[in-house]
Protein backbone atom coordinates (compact mmCIF):
# COMPACT_ATOMS: atom_id res chain seq x y z
CA MET A 1 0.00 0.00 0.00
CA LYS A 2 1.04 3.53 -0.70
CA PRO A 3 1.37 5.99 2.15
CA GLU A 4 -1.36 8.12 0.55
CA ASP A 5 -3.75 5.15 0.64
CA ILE A 6 -2.96 4.49 4.30
CA LEU A 7 -3.48 8.16 5.13
CA GLU A 8 -6.82 8.22 3.28
CA GLN A 9 -7.97 5.08 5.08
CA ALA A 10 -6.94 6.59 8.42
CA ASN A 11 -8.90 9.76 7.64
CA GLN A 12 -12.00 7.74 6.74
CA THR A 13 -11.70 5.73 9.93
CA ALA A 14 -11.31 8.94 11.96
CA LYS A 15 -14.49 10.34 10.37
CA GLN A 16 -16.38 7.15 11.22
CA VAL A 17 -15.18 7.25 14.82
CA LYS A 18 -16.19 10.91 15.15
CA SER A 19 -19.62 10.09 13.73
CA LEU A 20 -20.10 7.21 16.17
CA TYR A 21 -18.92 9.37 19.07
CA ASN A 22 -21.32 12.19 18.18
CA ARG A 23 -24.20 9.70 17.88
CA ALA A 24 -23.35 8.20 21.28
CA VAL A 25 -23.26 11.66 22.88
CA GLU A 26 -26.62 12.52 21.30
CA LYS A 27 -28.24 9.29 22.51
CA THR A 28 -26.82 9.80 26.00
CA CYS A 29 -28.23 13.32 26.18
CA GLU A 30 -31.63 12.10 24.99
CA GLY A 31 -31.62 9.37 27.63
CA SER A 32 -30.65 11.70 30.44
CA LYS A 33 -33.35 14.20 29.43
CA ALA A 34 -35.95 11.40 29.37
CA ALA A 35 -34.85 10.19 32.82
CA ASP A 36 -34.93 13.75 34.15
CA ASP A 37 -38.46 14.28 32.81
CA LEU A 38 -39.61 10.98 34.30
CA LEU A 39 -38.19 11.83 37.72
CA HIS A 40 -39.75 15.28 37.67
CA HIS A 41 -43.18 13.95 36.71
CA HIS A 42 -43.13 11.11 39.25
CA THR A 43 -41.23 12.66 42.15
CA TYR A 44 -42.98 10.91 45.02
CA LYS A 45 -42.99 7.51 43.36
CA THR A 46 -39.26 7.90 42.78
CA LEU A 47 -38.61 8.87 46.40
CA VAL A 48 -40.72 6.02 47.78
CA THR A 49 -39.07 3.51 45.46
CA GLY A 50 -35.59 4.67 46.48
CA MET A 51 -36.46 4.51 50.17
CA LEU A 52 -37.99 1.06 49.78
CA VAL A 53 -34.89 -0.25 48.00
CA GLY A 54 -32.73 1.24 50.76
CA VAL A 55 -34.80 -0.29 53.56
CA VAL A 56 -34.88 -3.74 51.96
CA THR A 57 -31.15 -3.64 51.22
CA GLY A 58 -30.40 -2.50 54.77
CA TYR A 59 -32.58 -5.25 56.22
CA PHE A 60 -30.80 -7.99 54.28
CA LEU A 61 -27.37 -6.58 55.06
CA ALA A 62 -28.25 -6.39 58.76
CA GLN A 63 -29.43 -10.01 58.71
CA LYS A 64 -26.20 -11.09 57.08
CA CYS A 65 -24.11 -9.21 59.66
CA ARG A 66 -26.01 -10.74 62.59
CA CYS A 67 -25.54 -14.19 61.13
CA CYS A 68 -21.76 -13.79 60.81
CA SER A 69 -21.20 -12.25 64.23
CA ARG A 70 -22.72 -15.12 66.23
């Protein structure tokens, strides 16, 4: 291969990577905006769900600690 061909191929690959990166950034922003909207519209459900997960996790961790310390 000629150096010009390698350089052209590298430039094409760089353009493809930039395109994929920009698409990933766009999708990430869309996802974060959707999550933000969801949390704002369902604030109390989100808080209750988070507290419930915390209580259940704490309960099981406390049970495991009591079991090991005996």
